[in-house]
């Protein structure tokens, strides 16, 4: 029975560790909640290890805070970028705002680097995700427009498809702009119109 309880405790700890790992792939605290719940059965399985077992969820939470506010989500972005070898994704470039308050990570995906996304570390607990809308199947890095214009970050494949305003902490996404029952077939909701709208924004202050 002692051996069974020990094995059960080990399984609970492994489950908690896996949940902490997945915490850095998600933008909610549900994985840490599950990590805490996985530790609870150890109270009855091996009471002597119960307090020590809380190092896993508590340590995961502290690491999440350090990553978000000290490391600018570097760990979280690296974990989110990890994919199986047949569809590799990596952080190819980093762009820091002129104020130093916001860090944007450019991720390139696939063997041909033809797909791009960004993760924005803007001071919150979780980073923000944005996608570049491609103009053709194989988009090269030289085709991308990436810049900080004052407090406004913009990125796109020739035309801007994602932006983030450091002033009002607001993200502008072409996907969000076209979402909704009345906007799908709206001829004014083109990428050209969205790009023109974003580039016309003037940072405040």
N, C-alpha and C. Protein backbone atom coordinates (compact mmCIF):
# COMPACT_ATOMS: atom_id res chain seq x y z
N UNK A 1 0.83 -1.21 0.00
CA UNK A 1 0.00 0.00 0.00
C UNK A 1 0.87 1.27 0.00
N UNK A 2 1.97 1.22 0.75
CA UNK A 2 2.88 2.37 0.81
C UNK A 2 3.44 2.68 -0.58
N UNK A 3 3.81 1.61 -1.31
CA UNK A 3 4.37 1.80 -2.65
C UNK A 3 3.31 2.40 -3.59
N UNK A 4 2.08 1.95 -3.45
CA UNK A 4 0.99 2.48 -4.29
C UNK A 4 0.78 3.96 -4.02
N UNK A 5 0.80 4.35 -2.75
CA UNK A 5 0.62 5.75 -2.39
C UNK A 5 1.77 6.61 -2.91
N UNK A 6 2.98 6.04 -2.86
CA UNK A 6 4.14 6.77 -3.37
C UNK A 6 4.02 6.98 -4.87
N UNK A 7 3.63 5.92 -5.59
CA UNK A 7 3.44 6.03 -7.04
C UNK A 7 2.35 7.05 -7.36
N UNK A 8 1.26 7.01 -6.58
CA UNK A 8 0.18 7.97 -6.78
C UNK A 8 0.65 9.40 -6.57
N UNK A 9 1.49 9.61 -5.56
CA UNK A 9 2.02 10.95 -5.29
C UNK A 9 2.91 11.43 -6.42
N UNK A 10 3.73 10.52 -6.95
CA UNK A 10 4.61 10.87 -8.07
C UNK A 10 3.79 11.26 -9.29
N UNK A 11 2.73 10.50 -9.55
CA UNK A 11 1.87 10.80 -10.69
C UNK A 11 1.22 12.18 -10.54
N UNK A 12 0.79 12.48 -9.32
CA UNK A 12 0.19 13.80 -9.05
C UNK A 12 1.19 14.92 -9.28
N UNK A 13 2.44 14.71 -8.84
CA UNK A 13 3.47 15.73 -9.02
C UNK A 13 3.80 15.91 -10.50
N UNK A 14 3.89 14.81 -11.24
CA UNK A 14 4.16 14.91 -12.67
C UNK A 14 3.05 15.65 -13.39
N UNK A 15 1.80 15.34 -13.00
CA UNK A 15 0.66 16.04 -13.61
C UNK A 15 0.72 17.53 -13.31
N UNK A 16 1.12 17.88 -12.08
CA UNK A 16 1.24 19.29 -11.71
C UNK A 16 2.33 19.98 -12.52
N UNK A 17 3.46 19.29 -12.71
CA UNK A 17 4.56 19.85 -13.49
C UNK A 17 4.15 20.08 -14.94
N UNK A 18 3.42 19.13 -15.51
CA UNK A 18 2.94 19.28 -16.89
C UNK A 18 1.99 20.46 -17.00
N UNK A 19 1.14 20.61 -16.00
CA UNK A 19 0.19 21.74 -15.99
C UNK A 19 0.94 23.07 -15.93
N UNK A 20 2.01 23.13 -15.12
CA UNK A 20 2.81 24.36 -15.04
C UNK A 20 3.45 24.66 -16.38
N UNK A 21 3.94 23.63 -17.07
CA UNK A 21 4.53 23.83 -18.40
C UNK A 21 3.50 24.41 -19.35
N UNK A 22 2.30 23.85 -19.35
CA UNK A 22 1.25 24.34 -20.25
C UNK A 22 0.74 25.72 -19.86
N UNK A 23 1.02 26.15 -18.63
CA UNK A 23 0.64 27.49 -18.23
C UNK A 23 1.29 28.53 -19.16
N UNK A 24 2.49 28.22 -19.63
CA UNK A 24 3.22 29.17 -20.47
C UNK A 24 2.82 29.05 -21.94
N UNK A 25 1.87 28.18 -22.24
CA UNK A 25 1.34 28.09 -23.59
C UNK A 25 -0.07 28.66 -23.68
N UNK A 26 -0.62 29.07 -22.54
CA UNK A 26 -2.00 29.55 -22.50
C UNK A 26 -2.09 30.93 -21.88
N UNK A 27 -3.13 31.65 -22.21
CA UNK A 27 -3.34 32.99 -21.67
C UNK A 27 -4.47 33.00 -20.65
N UNK A 28 -4.42 32.06 -19.73
CA UNK A 28 -5.34 31.99 -18.61
C UNK A 28 -4.63 31.24 -17.49
N UNK A 29 -5.16 31.34 -16.28
CA UNK A 29 -4.50 30.67 -15.15
C UNK A 29 -5.09 29.29 -14.87
N UNK A 30 -5.87 28.76 -15.80
CA UNK A 30 -6.44 27.43 -15.59
C UNK A 30 -5.37 26.35 -15.39
N UNK A 31 -4.26 26.34 -16.15
CA UNK A 31 -3.25 25.31 -15.90
C UNK A 31 -2.70 25.36 -14.47
N UNK A 32 -2.47 26.55 -13.92
CA UNK A 32 -1.98 26.65 -12.55
C UNK A 32 -3.05 26.19 -11.56
N UNK A 33 -4.31 26.44 -11.90
CA UNK A 33 -5.41 25.96 -11.05
C UNK A 33 -5.41 24.44 -11.00
N UNK A 34 -5.25 23.82 -12.18
CA UNK A 34 -5.19 22.36 -12.23
C UNK A 34 -3.95 21.83 -11.51
N UNK A 35 -2.82 22.55 -11.63
CA UNK A 35 -1.60 22.13 -10.93
C UNK A 35 -1.84 22.09 -9.42
N UNK A 36 -2.57 23.08 -8.91
CA UNK A 36 -2.89 23.11 -7.48
C UNK A 36 -3.81 21.95 -7.10
N UNK A 37 -4.77 21.66 -7.96
CA UNK A 37 -5.71 20.56 -7.67
C UNK A 37 -4.99 19.21 -7.70
N UNK A 38 -4.00 19.08 -8.57
CA UNK A 38 -3.26 17.80 -8.64
C UNK A 38 -2.44 17.57 -7.37
N UNK A 39 -2.08 18.64 -6.68
CA UNK A 39 -1.29 18.51 -5.46
C UNK A 39 -2.16 18.07 -4.27
N UNK A 40 -3.43 18.42 -4.28
CA UNK A 40 -4.32 18.15 -3.15
C UNK A 40 -4.36 16.68 -2.73
N UNK A 41 -4.46 15.71 -3.66
CA UNK A 41 -4.52 14.30 -3.23
C UNK A 41 -3.30 13.84 -2.45
N UNK A 42 -2.17 14.52 -2.60
CA UNK A 42 -0.96 14.12 -1.87
C UNK A 42 -1.17 14.28 -0.37
N UNK A 43 -2.12 15.12 0.01
CA UNK A 43 -2.43 15.33 1.44
C UNK A 43 -2.83 14.02 2.09
N UNK A 44 -3.49 13.13 1.34
CA UNK A 44 -3.92 11.83 1.86
C UNK A 44 -2.98 10.70 1.45
N UNK A 45 -2.33 10.87 0.29
CA UNK A 45 -1.43 9.81 -0.17
C UNK A 45 -0.13 9.79 0.62
N UNK A 46 0.54 10.95 0.69
CA UNK A 46 1.79 11.06 1.45
C UNK A 46 1.80 12.39 2.18
N UNK A 47 1.14 12.47 3.36
CA UNK A 47 1.02 13.73 4.11
C UNK A 47 2.35 14.43 4.35
N UNK A 48 3.42 13.66 4.52
CA UNK A 48 4.72 14.26 4.80
C UNK A 48 5.27 15.07 3.63
N UNK A 49 4.81 14.77 2.42
CA UNK A 49 5.30 15.46 1.23
C UNK A 49 4.37 16.59 0.77
N UNK A 50 3.25 16.74 1.50
CA UNK A 50 2.21 17.66 1.02
C UNK A 50 2.71 19.11 0.91
N UNK A 51 3.35 19.59 1.97
CA UNK A 51 3.82 20.98 1.94
C UNK A 51 4.88 21.19 0.86
N UNK A 52 5.78 20.25 0.75
CA UNK A 52 6.84 20.37 -0.25
C UNK A 52 6.27 20.34 -1.66
N UNK A 53 5.19 19.60 -1.86
CA UNK A 53 4.59 19.48 -3.18
C UNK A 53 4.06 20.81 -3.69
N UNK A 54 3.70 21.71 -2.77
CA UNK A 54 3.16 23.01 -3.19
C UNK A 54 4.21 23.89 -3.87
N UNK A 55 5.47 23.46 -3.79
CA UNK A 55 6.53 24.20 -4.49
C UNK A 55 6.23 24.25 -5.99
N UNK A 56 5.59 23.20 -6.53
CA UNK A 56 5.34 23.15 -7.97
C UNK A 56 4.37 24.24 -8.43
N UNK A 57 3.12 24.29 -7.91
CA UNK A 57 2.22 25.36 -8.37
C UNK A 57 2.64 26.76 -7.93
N UNK A 58 3.15 26.88 -6.70
CA UNK A 58 3.58 28.20 -6.23
C UNK A 58 4.79 28.68 -7.02
N UNK A 59 5.73 27.77 -7.25
CA UNK A 59 6.90 28.13 -8.05
C UNK A 59 6.51 28.49 -9.48
N UNK A 60 5.52 27.77 -10.03
CA UNK A 60 5.04 28.07 -11.37
C UNK A 60 4.42 29.46 -11.44
N UNK A 61 3.67 29.82 -10.40
CA UNK A 61 3.05 31.15 -10.37
C UNK A 61 4.10 32.25 -10.26
N UNK A 62 5.10 32.04 -9.41
CA UNK A 62 6.17 33.03 -9.27
C UNK A 62 6.95 33.18 -10.56
N UNK A 63 7.21 32.06 -11.23
CA UNK A 63 7.93 32.10 -12.51
C UNK A 63 7.11 32.83 -13.56
N UNK A 64 5.78 32.65 -13.52
CA UNK A 64 4.90 33.36 -14.45
C UNK A 64 5.01 34.86 -14.24
N UNK A 65 5.05 35.30 -12.97
CA UNK A 65 5.18 36.72 -12.67
C UNK A 65 6.53 37.27 -13.12
N UNK A 66 7.58 36.52 -12.85
CA UNK A 66 8.92 36.95 -13.26
C UNK A 66 9.01 37.05 -14.78
N UNK A 67 8.45 36.06 -15.46
CA UNK A 67 8.48 36.07 -16.92
C UNK A 67 7.71 37.25 -17.49
N UNK A 68 6.54 37.54 -16.90
CA UNK A 68 5.69 38.60 -17.43
C UNK A 68 6.27 39.98 -17.18
N UNK A 69 6.79 40.22 -15.98
CA UNK A 69 7.16 41.58 -15.60
C UNK A 69 8.67 41.85 -15.58
N UNK A 70 9.48 40.81 -15.60
CA UNK A 70 10.93 41.02 -15.62
C UNK A 70 11.57 40.56 -16.93
N UNK A 71 11.08 39.44 -17.46
CA UNK A 71 11.66 38.89 -18.69
C UNK A 71 10.87 39.24 -19.94
N UNK A 72 9.79 40.02 -19.78
CA UNK A 72 8.96 40.46 -20.91
C UNK A 72 8.43 39.28 -21.72
N UNK A 73 7.94 38.27 -21.00
CA UNK A 73 7.29 37.10 -21.60
C UNK A 73 8.22 36.26 -22.48
N UNK A 74 9.50 36.38 -22.29
CA UNK A 74 10.43 35.62 -23.14
C UNK A 74 10.20 34.12 -23.01
N UNK A 75 10.04 33.64 -21.77
CA UNK A 75 9.80 32.21 -21.58
C UNK A 75 8.49 31.81 -22.21
N UNK A 76 7.44 32.59 -21.94
CA UNK A 76 6.12 32.27 -22.49
C UNK A 76 6.10 32.24 -24.00
N UNK A 77 6.79 33.18 -24.62
CA UNK A 77 6.82 33.22 -26.08
C UNK A 77 7.62 32.04 -26.64
N UNK A 78 8.74 31.73 -25.99
CA UNK A 78 9.54 30.58 -26.44
C UNK A 78 8.74 29.29 -26.35
N UNK A 79 8.01 29.10 -25.26
CA UNK A 79 7.21 27.89 -25.09
C UNK A 79 6.07 27.85 -26.11
N UNK A 80 5.42 29.00 -26.32
CA UNK A 80 4.34 29.06 -27.30
C UNK A 80 4.86 28.83 -28.72
N UNK A 81 6.09 29.24 -28.98
CA UNK A 81 6.66 29.11 -30.32
C UNK A 81 7.09 27.68 -30.62
N UNK A 82 7.30 26.89 -29.58
CA UNK A 82 7.78 25.52 -29.79
C UNK A 82 6.74 24.69 -30.51
N UNK A 83 7.18 24.07 -31.58
CA UNK A 83 6.32 23.18 -32.36
C UNK A 83 7.11 21.94 -32.71
N UNK A 84 6.43 20.85 -33.12
CA UNK A 84 7.15 19.67 -33.59
C UNK A 84 8.09 20.02 -34.74
N UNK A 85 9.10 19.22 -34.95
CA UNK A 85 10.17 19.50 -35.89
C UNK A 85 9.66 19.73 -37.31
N UNK A 86 8.52 19.12 -37.68
CA UNK A 86 8.04 19.27 -39.05
C UNK A 86 7.32 20.60 -39.30
N UNK A 87 7.14 21.40 -38.25
CA UNK A 87 6.54 22.72 -38.44
C UNK A 87 7.18 23.69 -37.46
N UNK A 88 8.47 23.92 -37.65
CA UNK A 88 9.22 24.71 -36.69
C UNK A 88 8.79 26.17 -36.68
N UNK A 89 8.77 26.72 -35.50
CA UNK A 89 8.46 28.14 -35.30
C UNK A 89 9.50 28.69 -34.35
N UNK A 90 10.07 29.84 -34.67
CA UNK A 90 11.05 30.41 -33.77
C UNK A 90 10.97 31.93 -33.78
N UNK A 91 11.56 32.53 -32.74
CA UNK A 91 11.62 33.98 -32.63
C UNK A 91 12.75 34.46 -33.53
N UNK A 92 12.41 35.14 -34.60
CA UNK A 92 13.43 35.57 -35.55
C UNK A 92 13.96 36.96 -35.25
N UNK A 93 13.11 37.84 -34.68
CA UNK A 93 13.54 39.20 -34.37
C UNK A 93 12.75 39.73 -33.17
N UNK A 94 13.33 40.73 -32.52
CA UNK A 94 12.69 41.39 -31.39
C UNK A 94 12.71 42.89 -31.62
N UNK A 95 11.57 43.54 -31.36
CA UNK A 95 11.45 44.98 -31.55
C UNK A 95 10.97 45.62 -30.24
N UNK A 96 11.81 46.49 -29.70
CA UNK A 96 11.47 47.19 -28.46
C UNK A 96 11.00 48.59 -28.80
N UNK A 97 9.94 49.04 -28.15
CA UNK A 97 9.40 50.37 -28.42
C UNK A 97 10.39 51.45 -28.00
N UNK A 98 10.29 52.64 -28.58
CA UNK A 98 11.19 53.73 -28.19
C UNK A 98 11.18 54.03 -26.69
N UNK A 99 10.03 53.83 -26.04
CA UNK A 99 9.93 54.08 -24.60
C UNK A 99 10.52 52.94 -23.77
N UNK A 100 10.70 51.78 -24.41
CA UNK A 100 11.21 50.62 -23.70
C UNK A 100 10.16 49.87 -22.91
N UNK A 101 8.89 50.28 -23.00
CA UNK A 101 7.82 49.66 -22.22
C UNK A 101 7.22 48.43 -22.89
N UNK A 102 7.38 48.30 -24.19
CA UNK A 102 6.74 47.22 -24.93
C UNK A 102 7.78 46.48 -25.78
N UNK A 103 7.69 45.16 -25.78
CA UNK A 103 8.58 44.34 -26.59
C UNK A 103 7.72 43.48 -27.52
N UNK A 104 8.08 43.47 -28.80
CA UNK A 104 7.35 42.68 -29.79
C UNK A 104 8.29 41.62 -30.34
N UNK A 105 7.84 40.37 -30.33
CA UNK A 105 8.61 39.27 -30.87
C UNK A 105 8.03 38.85 -32.22
N UNK A 106 8.87 38.82 -33.23
CA UNK A 106 8.44 38.36 -34.56
C UNK A 106 8.76 36.89 -34.69
N UNK A 107 7.74 36.08 -34.97
CA UNK A 107 7.91 34.65 -35.12
C UNK A 107 7.73 34.26 -36.58
N UNK A 108 8.66 33.47 -37.07
CA UNK A 108 8.55 32.93 -38.43
C UNK A 108 8.24 31.45 -38.32
N UNK A 109 7.37 30.98 -39.18
CA UNK A 109 6.90 29.60 -39.10
C UNK A 109 7.07 28.87 -40.42
N UNK A 110 7.34 27.60 -40.33
CA UNK A 110 7.51 26.66 -41.44
C UNK A 110 8.93 26.74 -41.98
N UNK A 111 9.28 25.72 -42.79
CA UNK A 111 10.65 25.61 -43.31
C UNK A 111 11.01 26.78 -44.21
N UNK A 112 10.05 27.36 -44.89
CA UNK A 112 10.32 28.43 -45.85
C UNK A 112 10.16 29.82 -45.24
N UNK A 113 9.90 29.89 -43.93
CA UNK A 113 9.65 31.18 -43.27
C UNK A 113 8.61 31.99 -44.02
N UNK A 114 7.52 31.32 -44.39
CA UNK A 114 6.51 31.99 -45.22
C UNK A 114 5.30 32.44 -44.41
N UNK A 115 5.29 32.17 -43.11
CA UNK A 115 4.18 32.57 -42.27
C UNK A 115 4.73 33.31 -41.05
N UNK A 116 4.07 34.42 -40.69
CA UNK A 116 4.60 35.25 -39.62
C UNK A 116 3.51 35.62 -38.62
N UNK A 117 3.94 35.76 -37.36
CA UNK A 117 3.05 36.19 -36.29
C UNK A 117 3.88 37.01 -35.32
N UNK A 118 3.20 37.74 -34.44
CA UNK A 118 3.90 38.51 -33.42
C UNK A 118 3.26 38.26 -32.06
N UNK A 119 4.10 38.27 -31.04
CA UNK A 119 3.63 38.27 -29.66
C UNK A 119 4.06 39.59 -29.06
N UNK A 120 3.13 40.30 -28.45
CA UNK A 120 3.39 41.62 -27.89
C UNK A 120 3.42 41.53 -26.36
N UNK A 121 4.55 41.88 -25.78
CA UNK A 121 4.68 41.94 -24.33
C UNK A 121 4.48 43.39 -23.92
N UNK A 122 3.30 43.66 -23.35
CA UNK A 122 2.93 45.05 -23.06
C UNK A 122 2.65 45.30 -21.58
N UNK A 123 3.27 44.51 -20.71
CA UNK A 123 3.13 44.76 -19.28
C UNK A 123 2.05 43.97 -18.58
N UNK A 124 1.24 43.21 -19.31
CA UNK A 124 0.21 42.40 -18.69
C UNK A 124 0.74 41.04 -18.28
N UNK A 125 -0.12 40.23 -17.68
CA UNK A 125 0.29 38.90 -17.24
C UNK A 125 0.53 37.97 -18.42
N UNK A 126 -0.19 38.21 -19.53
CA UNK A 126 -0.04 37.38 -20.73
C UNK A 126 0.27 38.24 -21.95
N UNK A 127 1.03 37.70 -22.89
CA UNK A 127 1.33 38.46 -24.11
C UNK A 127 0.15 38.43 -25.07
N UNK A 128 0.15 39.36 -26.03
CA UNK A 128 -0.91 39.46 -27.03
C UNK A 128 -0.42 38.87 -28.35
N UNK A 129 -1.31 38.17 -29.03
CA UNK A 129 -0.95 37.53 -30.30
C UNK A 129 -1.53 38.27 -31.48
N UNK A 130 -0.72 38.42 -32.52
CA UNK A 130 -1.19 39.02 -33.77
C UNK A 130 -0.64 38.27 -34.96
N UNK A 131 -1.40 38.25 -36.06
CA UNK A 131 -0.98 37.53 -37.26
C UNK A 131 -0.78 38.48 -38.43
N UNK A 132 0.15 38.13 -39.29
CA UNK A 132 0.38 38.87 -40.52
C UNK A 132 -0.43 38.21 -41.63
N UNK A 133 -1.26 38.99 -42.31
CA UNK A 133 -2.05 38.46 -43.42
C UNK A 133 -1.16 38.45 -44.66
N UNK A 134 -0.85 37.27 -45.22
CA UNK A 134 0.07 37.18 -46.36
C UNK A 134 -0.59 37.61 -47.67
N UNK A 135 0.24 38.18 -48.55
CA UNK A 135 -0.26 38.57 -49.87
C UNK A 135 -0.10 37.43 -50.87
N UNK A 136 0.79 36.48 -50.56
CA UNK A 136 0.95 35.30 -51.41
C UNK A 136 1.45 34.15 -50.55
N UNK A 137 1.62 33.00 -51.15
CA UNK A 137 1.88 31.78 -50.39
C UNK A 137 3.23 31.78 -49.70
N UNK A 138 4.26 32.25 -50.37
CA UNK A 138 5.61 32.26 -49.80
C UNK A 138 6.07 33.70 -49.57
N UNK A 139 5.85 34.19 -48.37
CA UNK A 139 6.21 35.56 -48.03
C UNK A 139 7.62 35.60 -47.45
N UNK A 140 8.48 36.40 -48.04
CA UNK A 140 9.84 36.55 -47.54
C UNK A 140 9.91 37.68 -46.51
N UNK A 141 10.93 37.65 -45.67
CA UNK A 141 11.08 38.69 -44.64
C UNK A 141 11.18 40.07 -45.27
N UNK A 142 11.81 40.18 -46.43
CA UNK A 142 11.96 41.49 -47.07
C UNK A 142 10.62 42.08 -47.51
N UNK A 143 9.59 41.24 -47.59
CA UNK A 143 8.27 41.73 -47.99
C UNK A 143 7.50 42.35 -46.82
N UNK A 144 8.00 42.16 -45.61
CA UNK A 144 7.28 42.64 -44.44
C UNK A 144 7.59 44.11 -44.13
N UNK A 145 6.56 44.81 -43.74
CA UNK A 145 6.70 46.16 -43.19
C UNK A 145 6.58 46.05 -41.68
N UNK A 146 7.66 46.36 -40.98
CA UNK A 146 7.67 46.26 -39.51
C UNK A 146 8.29 47.53 -38.96
N UNK A 147 7.54 48.26 -38.14
CA UNK A 147 8.09 49.49 -37.59
C UNK A 147 7.34 49.97 -36.36
N UNK A 148 8.07 50.72 -35.53
CA UNK A 148 7.48 51.49 -34.46
C UNK A 148 7.36 52.92 -34.96
N UNK A 149 6.16 53.45 -34.99
CA UNK A 149 5.95 54.84 -35.34
C UNK A 149 5.49 55.56 -34.08
N UNK A 150 6.48 56.10 -33.36
CA UNK A 150 6.16 56.67 -32.05
C UNK A 150 5.75 55.57 -31.09
N UNK A 151 4.52 55.63 -30.60
CA UNK A 151 4.01 54.61 -29.68
C UNK A 151 3.14 53.58 -30.41
N UNK A 152 3.17 53.59 -31.73
CA UNK A 152 2.34 52.68 -32.52
C UNK A 152 3.22 51.68 -33.26
N UNK A 153 3.00 50.39 -32.98
CA UNK A 153 3.71 49.33 -33.69
C UNK A 153 2.84 48.83 -34.84
N UNK A 154 3.46 48.63 -36.01
CA UNK A 154 2.72 48.17 -37.18
C UNK A 154 3.50 47.07 -37.89
N UNK A 155 2.76 46.10 -38.42
CA UNK A 155 3.39 45.03 -39.18
C UNK A 155 2.42 44.54 -40.25
N UNK A 156 2.99 44.15 -41.38
CA UNK A 156 2.15 43.62 -42.45
C UNK A 156 2.99 43.17 -43.63
N UNK A 157 2.36 42.45 -44.51
CA UNK A 157 2.99 41.99 -45.74
C UNK A 157 2.61 43.00 -46.83
N UNK A 158 3.44 44.02 -47.01
CA UNK A 158 3.16 45.17 -47.88
C UNK A 158 2.08 46.06 -47.28
N UNK A 159 0.93 45.47 -46.91
CA UNK A 159 -0.15 46.22 -46.29
C UNK A 159 -0.23 45.85 -44.81
N UNK A 160 -0.47 46.83 -43.94
CA UNK A 160 -0.51 46.59 -42.49
C UNK A 160 -1.73 45.72 -42.15
N UNK A 161 -1.49 44.64 -41.40
CA UNK A 161 -2.59 43.77 -40.98
C UNK A 161 -2.68 43.62 -39.46
N UNK A 162 -1.71 44.20 -38.73
CA UNK A 162 -1.77 44.16 -37.26
C UNK A 162 -1.01 45.36 -36.72
N UNK A 163 -1.55 45.94 -35.66
CA UNK A 163 -0.90 47.08 -35.01
C UNK A 163 -1.21 47.06 -33.52
N UNK A 164 -0.34 47.68 -32.76
CA UNK A 164 -0.55 47.79 -31.32
C UNK A 164 -0.19 49.21 -30.88
N UNK A 165 -1.10 49.84 -30.15
CA UNK A 165 -0.88 51.19 -29.65
C UNK A 165 -0.43 51.13 -28.20
N UNK A 166 0.76 51.59 -27.95
CA UNK A 166 1.30 51.60 -26.59
C UNK A 166 0.60 52.66 -25.74
N UNK A 167 0.04 53.66 -26.39
CA UNK A 167 -0.61 54.75 -25.66
C UNK A 167 -1.89 54.31 -24.97
N UNK A 168 -2.78 53.65 -25.72
CA UNK A 168 -4.05 53.22 -25.13
C UNK A 168 -4.12 51.71 -24.93
N UNK A 169 -2.99 51.02 -25.11
CA UNK A 169 -2.91 49.57 -24.90
C UNK A 169 -3.97 48.82 -25.72
N UNK A 170 -4.12 49.22 -26.96
CA UNK A 170 -5.13 48.63 -27.83
C UNK A 170 -4.48 47.98 -29.03
N UNK A 171 -4.95 46.78 -29.37
CA UNK A 171 -4.46 46.07 -30.55
C UNK A 171 -5.44 46.26 -31.70
N UNK A 172 -4.89 46.39 -32.89
CA UNK A 172 -5.69 46.54 -34.10
C UNK A 172 -5.35 45.37 -35.02
N UNK A 173 -6.34 44.50 -35.24
CA UNK A 173 -6.13 43.30 -36.04
C UNK A 173 -7.09 43.27 -37.21
N UNK A 174 -6.57 42.94 -38.38
CA UNK A 174 -7.43 42.85 -39.55
C UNK A 174 -8.47 41.74 -39.38
N UNK A 175 -8.06 40.65 -38.75
CA UNK A 175 -9.01 39.55 -38.51
C UNK A 175 -10.17 40.01 -37.65
N UNK A 176 -9.88 40.76 -36.58
CA UNK A 176 -10.95 41.27 -35.72
C UNK A 176 -11.79 42.31 -36.46
N UNK A 177 -11.15 43.10 -37.28
CA UNK A 177 -11.82 44.18 -38.00
C UNK A 177 -12.88 43.63 -38.96
N UNK A 178 -12.62 42.46 -39.52
CA UNK A 178 -13.56 41.87 -40.49
C UNK A 178 -14.51 40.87 -39.86
N UNK A 179 -14.38 40.64 -38.55
CA UNK A 179 -15.22 39.64 -37.90
C UNK A 179 -16.60 40.20 -37.60
N UNK A 180 -17.61 39.35 -37.72
CA UNK A 180 -18.97 39.76 -37.42
C UNK A 180 -19.91 39.43 -38.57
N UNK A 181 -21.21 39.27 -38.28
CA UNK A 181 -22.18 38.85 -39.30
C UNK A 181 -22.39 39.87 -40.42
N UNK A 182 -22.12 41.15 -40.13
CA UNK A 182 -22.40 42.18 -41.13
C UNK A 182 -21.14 42.72 -41.80
N UNK A 183 -19.98 42.18 -41.44
CA UNK A 183 -18.74 42.70 -42.00
C UNK A 183 -18.08 41.74 -42.97
N UNK A 184 -18.51 40.47 -42.98
CA UNK A 184 -17.87 39.47 -43.83
C UNK A 184 -17.96 39.86 -45.30
N UNK A 185 -19.11 40.33 -45.73
CA UNK A 185 -19.31 40.70 -47.13
C UNK A 185 -19.28 42.20 -47.37
N UNK A 186 -18.82 42.94 -46.38
CA UNK A 186 -18.75 44.40 -46.51
C UNK A 186 -17.59 44.77 -47.42
N UNK A 187 -17.86 45.39 -48.59
CA UNK A 187 -16.78 45.72 -49.52
C UNK A 187 -15.79 46.73 -48.97
N UNK A 188 -16.18 47.45 -47.92
CA UNK A 188 -15.27 48.44 -47.34
C UNK A 188 -14.27 47.82 -46.38
N UNK A 189 -14.51 46.56 -45.98
CA UNK A 189 -13.63 45.91 -45.03
C UNK A 189 -12.50 45.17 -45.75
N UNK A 190 -11.75 45.88 -46.52
CA UNK A 190 -10.63 45.29 -47.26
C UNK A 190 -9.34 45.50 -46.48
N UNK A 191 -8.33 44.72 -46.83
CA UNK A 191 -7.03 44.88 -46.19
C UNK A 191 -6.44 46.25 -46.51
N UNK A 192 -6.70 46.74 -47.72
CA UNK A 192 -6.22 48.07 -48.10
C UNK A 192 -6.83 49.15 -47.20
N UNK A 193 -8.14 49.02 -46.94
CA UNK A 193 -8.82 50.00 -46.09
C UNK A 193 -8.30 49.92 -44.65
N UNK A 194 -8.09 48.71 -44.17
CA UNK A 194 -7.59 48.55 -42.80
C UNK A 194 -6.18 49.13 -42.68
N UNK A 195 -5.34 48.84 -43.66
CA UNK A 195 -3.97 49.35 -43.65
C UNK A 195 -3.96 50.88 -43.67
N UNK A 196 -4.82 51.47 -44.48
CA UNK A 196 -4.91 52.93 -44.55
C UNK A 196 -5.39 53.51 -43.22
N UNK A 197 -6.34 52.82 -42.59
CA UNK A 197 -6.86 53.29 -41.30
C UNK A 197 -5.77 53.26 -40.22
N UNK A 198 -5.03 52.15 -40.16
CA UNK A 198 -3.99 52.03 -39.14
C UNK A 198 -2.88 53.04 -39.35
N UNK A 199 -2.44 53.19 -40.58
CA UNK A 199 -1.36 54.13 -40.86
C UNK A 199 -1.76 55.58 -40.64
N UNK A 200 -3.07 55.84 -40.58
CA UNK A 200 -3.55 57.21 -40.34
C UNK A 200 -3.63 57.54 -38.86
N UNK A 201 -3.47 56.52 -38.02
CA UNK A 201 -3.55 56.76 -36.58
C UNK A 201 -2.36 57.57 -36.12
N UNK A 202 -2.58 58.53 -35.27
CA UNK A 202 -1.49 59.34 -34.74
C UNK A 202 -1.34 59.06 -33.26
N UNK A 203 -0.16 58.61 -32.83
CA UNK A 203 0.05 58.34 -31.41
C UNK A 203 -0.24 59.59 -30.58
N UNK A 204 -0.83 59.35 -29.43
CA UNK A 204 -1.16 60.45 -28.51
C UNK A 204 -0.02 60.65 -27.52
N UNK A 205 0.40 61.87 -27.41
CA UNK A 205 1.41 62.19 -26.43
C UNK A 205 2.80 61.64 -26.71
